[in-house]
Amino acid sequence: MGASGSKAASKVVRKYPTRAPGVAPPTATSTTARASRPPPPEASLTKDEAIRADSVDPEQARPDPDFASRLHQMGIAQPNPTWSPSSIASPGRGADITPNPREFSAPQFPPASQNITLGVLEARRQLEQRAQQEFENMGKSGYQGREFLDIATIRNILVLREGRESPAAIEARLRLKPGVVARLGPSGILSPAS
């Protein structure tokens, strides 16, 4: 397979360079020259000028006095006071170990009656309970009709309403609770997608 030019290339024998006559192979003397090099410097535990110069950013070689004065004006940063049993730092030596109750007070949350998230969850729980009761009472005597609708029922209501059927007739036909069709808004605001 392939072009005939590539087949000819595989038949050519590779030729290696030859040594010039009279040149001897390298001897052990060249390896001893390598060994006589000084060893690389070992790690130092003290900082000298070379180490300090290596650690300086060349772009920031001269410190900005304005920046330093602004930092000095800002002062020491105060951490946000938070409380967690695992976030208490260990006391220093000789420090008083008894904690100040005001210092580590639990976070304050709004009362349950004013907590929006809890209010939403409670409303959802109540709606789920009402939908479950409606489902259980379906078909029993005294059942007034459905109040919780699925999307197919809503589409049927919109189609019947476009056909100029009265809300009371739609509610009777689809076995809905009185007033459910009116809660969808006046006719013409919502329309079924075709």
Foldseek 3Di string as FASTA:
>chain_A
DDDVVVVVVVPDDDDDDDDDPPDDDDDCVVVVVVVPDDDDDDDDPDDDPVNVVVPDDPVCNDPDVVVVVVDVVVPDDDDDQAADPVPDDDDDPPDDPDDDCVSHDHDDDDPLVPDPVSVVVVVVVVVVVVQVVLVVCPPPPPNQFAQDDDPVLVQVLQVVVVVVDDPVVSCVVRRHHPPNSCVVDDRPPDHHDD
